[in-house]
Amino acid sequence: MKIDGRFWLTKENQSFLGYGRIELLERIDTTGSINAAAKEMKMSYKAAWERINGMNALADQPLIERSTGGKGGGGTKLTPYAHELIATFHRLGELHRQFIDRFAEAGNDPERLARILSRTFLTTSARNQIPSTLQTIETNGLHSTLTLSLSGSDTLRSTITAKSVENMGLAIGCDTYAIIKSSDIHIASSRPDSKTSDNILSGTIETLERSGENIEIGLRLEGGTLLIALEKQDALQNLQVGISAYAIISPLHIIIGL
């Protein structure tokens, strides 16, 4: 059994935005044409137009602008308001997935779900607060290396002090959070040297947001976890949405939360 949930935004008790409608808007933005966007999504022009009309009827402002004639011919483009809605939807969708992931930790164990729900939600500046389960503890002198299982088959190793393990009452099987600053996650388009002690996790680039000298990268791991990394643009010119990439994280940069 798996706990899951669908994410929709409603307005006036009517369906307003879902992933299909957002995809339609994004394809219109890319193609500049409702007809072309509909063909890419394998739907009729009429069905696409009905969805757009439905969204426009509920939206506070128009979502598309249409032009006819002119040197380049007619076309359709999204309004600034539509772009804001798309960004808001994706951010809310990410938070919804994080919430569902916390439920999914419980599997088919109601008592474990009760413990998760009673857990205090963390408030930190770190962008990555990843639900995990403690698999192993290896202590060597003053330090302990923890192996954490994430959703799917992904794992992380974290090195903290042995005293922290004792003070937190950490034990194999307990529910934890792996807390990682976005600036402590490095992204590479090719797999690094396997001899490194760093965590190396493979995934697919899901989002890229550029601002000034920086670029924020959303990497969806094979097990479903989304990692957010912050890098310098000049070091990652070849990254594109949809390509495979690797996250590199030092065990020393992973904080454990309960």
Protein backbone atom coordinates (compact mmCIF):
# COMPACT_ATOMS: atom_id res chain seq x y z
CA MET A 1 0.00 0.00 0.00
CA LYS A 2 1.26 3.46 -0.88
CA ILE A 3 0.01 6.82 0.38
CA ASP A 4 -0.27 9.31 -2.46
CA GLY A 5 -2.32 12.36 -3.39
CA ARG A 6 -3.21 14.52 -6.38
CA PHE A 7 -2.62 18.26 -6.39
CA TRP A 8 -5.21 20.66 -7.80
CA LEU A 9 -6.05 24.30 -7.20
CA THR A 10 -9.75 25.15 -7.08
CA LYS A 11 -11.56 28.47 -7.11
CA GLU A 12 -15.23 29.08 -6.35
CA ASN A 13 -15.58 25.31 -5.87
CA GLN A 14 -14.45 24.68 -9.44
CA SER A 15 -11.25 23.07 -10.76
CA PHE A 16 -8.87 25.87 -11.68
CA LEU A 17 -5.32 24.57 -12.16
CA GLY A 18 -3.84 21.09 -12.40
CA TYR A 19 -0.71 19.64 -13.99
CA GLY A 20 -2.47 19.09 -17.34
CA ARG A 21 -3.66 22.69 -17.56
CA ILE A 22 -0.26 24.02 -16.52
CA GLU A 23 1.38 21.87 -19.20
CA LEU A 24 -1.02 23.31 -21.79
CA LEU A 25 -0.10 26.86 -20.79
CA GLU A 26 3.61 26.03 -20.89
CA ARG A 27 3.31 24.49 -24.36
CA ILE A 28 1.41 27.55 -25.61
CA ASP A 29 4.25 29.66 -24.21
CA THR A 30 6.81 27.53 -26.08
CA THR A 31 4.99 27.18 -29.40
CA GLY A 32 3.16 30.51 -29.52
CA SER A 33 0.08 28.64 -30.74
CA ILE A 34 -2.92 27.01 -29.08
CA ASN A 35 -3.30 24.65 -32.03
CA ALA A 36 0.34 23.54 -31.89
CA ALA A 37 0.17 23.08 -28.11
CA ALA A 38 -2.99 20.98 -28.48
CA LYS A 39 -1.33 18.74 -31.10
CA GLU A 40 1.71 18.19 -28.86
CA MET A 41 -0.64 17.10 -26.07
CA LYS A 42 -2.66 14.93 -28.46
CA MET A 43 -5.92 16.79 -27.83
CA SER A 44 -8.30 18.66 -30.11
CA TYR A 45 -8.13 22.41 -30.54
CA LYS A 46 -11.67 22.57 -29.15
CA ALA A 47 -10.67 20.73 -25.95
CA ALA A 48 -7.63 22.99 -25.49
CA TRP A 49 -9.70 26.11 -26.01
CA GLU A 50 -12.34 24.91 -23.53
CA ARG A 51 -9.64 24.44 -20.89
CA ILE A 52 -8.27 27.90 -21.52
CA ASN A 53 -11.75 29.43 -21.35
CA GLY A 54 -12.37 27.59 -18.09
CA MET A 55 -9.16 28.96 -16.58
CA ASN A 56 -9.80 32.48 -17.87
CA ALA A 57 -13.31 32.47 -16.39
CA LEU A 58 -11.88 31.81 -12.91
CA ALA A 59 -8.63 33.81 -13.16
CA ASP A 60 -8.34 37.33 -11.77
CA GLN A 61 -6.69 38.45 -15.01
CA PRO A 62 -6.48 37.08 -18.59
CA LEU A 63 -3.99 34.27 -19.09
CA ILE A 64 -3.30 34.62 -22.83
CA GLU A 65 -2.94 37.37 -25.40
CA ARG A 66 -3.76 36.72 -29.05
CA SER A 67 -2.51 38.72 -32.04
CA THR A 68 -3.47 38.52 -35.71
CA GLY A 69 -1.72 39.52 -38.90
CA GLY A 70 1.47 41.53 -38.93
CA LYS A 71 4.83 40.70 -40.42
CA GLY A 72 5.25 37.47 -38.48
CA GLY A 73 1.63 36.40 -38.64
CA GLY A 74 -0.68 35.86 -35.69
CA GLY A 75 0.07 34.01 -32.50
CA THR A 76 -0.70 33.47 -28.85
CA LYS A 77 1.41 34.31 -25.83
CA LEU A 78 0.99 34.12 -22.09
CA THR A 79 0.40 37.20 -19.99
CA PRO A 80 2.75 38.09 -17.11
CA TYR A 81 -0.06 37.02 -14.76
CA ALA A 82 -0.08 33.54 -16.35
CA HIS A 83 3.67 33.22 -15.81
CA GLU A 84 3.18 34.12 -12.14
CA LEU A 85 0.45 31.49 -11.80
CA ILE A 86 2.66 28.81 -13.35
CA ALA A 87 5.54 29.60 -10.97
CA THR A 88 3.18 29.61 -7.97
CA PHE A 89 1.62 26.29 -9.02
CA HIS A 90 5.00 24.58 -9.37
CA ARG A 91 6.14 25.85 -5.96
CA LEU A 92 2.91 24.72 -4.27
CA GLY A 93 3.18 21.39 -6.10
CA GLU A 94 6.69 20.90 -4.73
CA LEU A 95 5.49 21.59 -1.19
CA HIS A 96 2.55 19.22 -1.69
CA ARG A 97 4.94 16.47 -2.79
CA GLN A 98 7.11 17.05 0.28
CA PHE A 99 4.01 16.75 2.46
CA ILE A 100 2.93 13.51 0.76
CA ASP A 101 6.48 12.15 1.09
CA ARG A 102 6.18 12.54 4.86
CA PHE A 103 3.00 10.48 4.83
CA ALA A 104 4.60 7.93 2.48
CA GLU A 105 7.33 7.25 5.06
CA ALA A 106 4.74 5.33 7.07
CA GLY A 107 3.96 2.78 4.36
CA ASN A 108 1.10 0.64 5.69
CA ASP A 109 1.95 1.21 9.35
CA PRO A 110 -0.73 3.44 10.98
CA GLU A 111 1.25 3.80 14.21
CA ARG A 112 4.29 5.03 12.33
CA LEU A 113 2.06 7.49 10.49
CA ALA A 114 0.80 8.75 13.86
CA ARG A 115 4.38 9.33 15.00
CA ILE A 116 5.17 11.22 11.80
CA LEU A 117 2.10 13.43 12.19
CA SER A 118 3.03 14.22 15.77
CA ARG A 119 6.52 15.21 14.74
CA THR A 120 7.31 18.92 14.94
CA PHE A 121 7.75 20.39 11.50
CA LEU A 122 11.15 21.92 10.99
CA THR A 123 11.63 25.60 10.22
CA THR A 124 15.14 26.24 8.92
CA SER A 125 16.72 28.25 6.16
CA ALA A 126 17.92 25.07 4.43
CA ARG A 127 16.04 24.40 1.19
CA ASN A 128 16.39 20.63 1.48
CA GLN A 129 14.61 18.95 4.41
CA ILE A 130 14.34 15.36 3.23
CA PRO A 131 12.38 12.63 5.06
CA SER A 132 14.60 9.62 5.70
CA THR A 133 15.01 6.52 7.83
CA LEU A 134 18.19 5.68 9.73
CA GLN A 135 19.63 2.41 8.37
CA THR A 136 23.07 2.07 9.96
CA ILE A 137 25.32 3.81 12.49
CA GLU A 138 29.11 3.35 12.34
CA THR A 139 31.04 5.05 15.13
CA ASN A 140 34.78 5.73 14.92
CA GLY A 141 36.16 7.72 17.81
CA LEU A 142 34.44 11.11 18.09
CA HIS A 143 32.44 10.76 14.87
CA SER A 144 29.63 8.57 13.59
CA THR A 145 28.64 7.95 9.98
CA LEU A 146 24.93 7.40 9.45
CA THR A 147 23.34 5.76 6.43
CA LEU A 148 19.92 7.22 5.64
CA SER A 149 17.39 5.68 3.28
CA LEU A 150 15.29 8.08 1.21
CA SER A 151 12.23 7.30 -0.90
CA GLY A 152 12.88 4.63 -3.51
CA SER A 153 16.33 3.08 -3.26
CA ASP A 154 18.32 6.31 -2.75
CA THR A 155 20.58 6.58 0.30
CA LEU A 156 22.71 9.28 1.91
CA ARG A 157 25.64 9.11 4.31
CA SER A 158 25.95 11.77 7.00
CA THR A 159 28.86 12.27 9.38
CA ILE A 160 28.05 13.83 12.74
CA THR A 161 29.62 13.63 16.19
CA ALA A 162 29.12 10.49 18.26
CA LYS A 163 27.91 12.77 21.05
CA SER A 164 25.12 14.07 18.79
CA VAL A 165 23.99 10.49 18.10
CA GLU A 166 23.80 9.89 21.85
CA ASN A 167 22.11 13.21 22.70
CA MET A 168 19.48 12.79 19.98
CA GLY A 169 18.77 9.19 20.93
CA LEU A 170 19.33 8.06 17.36
CA ALA A 171 18.72 4.37 16.69
CA ILE A 172 18.44 2.20 13.61
CA GLY A 173 14.96 2.44 12.14
CA CYS A 174 14.08 5.86 13.52
CA ASP A 175 12.55 8.55 11.30
CA THR A 176 14.84 11.47 10.55
CA TYR A 177 15.31 14.43 8.23
CA ALA A 178 18.41 15.01 6.13
CA ILE A 179 18.87 18.79 6.13
CA ILE A 180 21.11 20.21 3.40
CA LYS A 181 21.74 23.79 2.29
CA SER A 182 21.29 24.27 -1.45
CA SER A 183 24.80 25.74 -1.70
CA ASP A 184 26.22 22.47 -0.29
CA ILE A 185 24.85 20.40 -3.19
CA HIS A 186 26.96 20.40 -6.34
CA ILE A 187 25.61 19.27 -9.70
CA ALA A 188 27.62 17.53 -12.44
CA SER A 189 26.53 16.37 -15.88
CA SER A 190 28.87 13.36 -15.75
CA ARG A 191 29.47 10.91 -12.90
CA PRO A 192 32.40 11.93 -10.66
CA ASP A 193 35.24 9.65 -9.62
CA SER A 194 33.74 6.73 -7.69
CA LYS A 195 36.65 6.85 -5.23
CA THR A 196 35.32 10.02 -3.62
CA SER A 197 33.83 9.78 -0.13
CA ASP A 198 31.04 12.17 -1.14
CA ASN A 199 27.46 11.07 -1.72
CA ILE A 200 26.73 10.73 -5.45
CA LEU A 201 23.07 10.53 -6.45
CA SER A 202 21.74 10.34 -10.00
CA GLY A 203 18.60 12.01 -11.26
CA THR A 204 17.04 14.22 -13.90
CA ILE A 205 17.12 18.02 -14.11
CA GLU A 206 13.53 19.12 -13.48
CA THR A 207 13.87 22.90 -13.06
CA LEU A 208 16.44 25.59 -13.82
CA GLU A 209 16.09 29.17 -12.60
CA ARG A 210 18.75 31.70 -13.48
CA SER A 211 19.27 34.98 -11.64
CA GLY A 212 22.37 37.12 -11.98
CA GLU A 213 25.46 34.97 -11.53
CA ASN A 214 23.57 32.12 -9.88
CA ILE A 215 21.44 29.22 -11.08
CA GLU A 216 18.99 27.22 -8.95
CA ILE A 217 18.67 23.60 -10.04
CA GLY A 218 15.94 21.14 -9.16
CA LEU A 219 17.21 17.56 -9.51
CA ARG A 220 14.61 14.79 -9.24
CA LEU A 221 16.34 11.67 -7.94
CA GLU A 222 15.50 8.23 -9.33
CA GLY A 223 13.63 7.43 -6.10
CA GLY A 224 11.46 10.55 -6.40
CA THR A 225 13.17 12.95 -3.98
CA LEU A 226 13.65 16.51 -5.25
CA LEU A 227 16.98 18.18 -4.40
CA ILE A 228 17.48 21.94 -4.76
CA ALA A 229 21.05 23.08 -5.54
CA LEU A 230 22.49 26.57 -5.97
CA GLU A 231 25.47 26.96 -8.30
CA LYS A 232 27.34 29.60 -10.28
CA GLN A 233 26.05 29.91 -13.84
CA ASP A 234 29.48 30.04 -15.48
CA ALA A 235 30.33 26.58 -14.11
CA LEU A 236 27.21 24.89 -15.52
CA GLN A 237 26.59 26.24 -19.01
CA ASN A 238 25.64 22.82 -20.42
CA LEU A 239 22.75 22.00 -18.07
CA GLN A 240 19.24 21.73 -19.51
CA VAL A 241 15.87 20.61 -18.19
CA GLY A 242 15.32 16.92 -18.89
CA ILE A 243 18.94 15.74 -18.96
CA SER A 244 20.50 13.28 -16.53
CA ALA A 245 22.82 14.71 -13.88
CA TYR A 246 24.45 13.89 -10.55
CA ALA A 247 24.23 15.51 -7.13
CA ILE A 248 27.45 15.51 -5.10
CA ILE A 249 27.09 16.05 -1.34
CA SER A 250 29.72 15.76 1.36
CA PRO A 251 28.60 13.67 4.37
CA LEU A 252 29.87 16.53 6.55
CA HIS A 253 27.28 18.88 5.04
CA ILE A 254 24.22 16.81 5.98
CA ILE A 255 22.58 17.80 9.25
CA ILE A 256 20.24 15.35 10.97
CA GLY A 257 16.84 16.49 12.20
CA LEU A 258 14.10 14.69 14.13
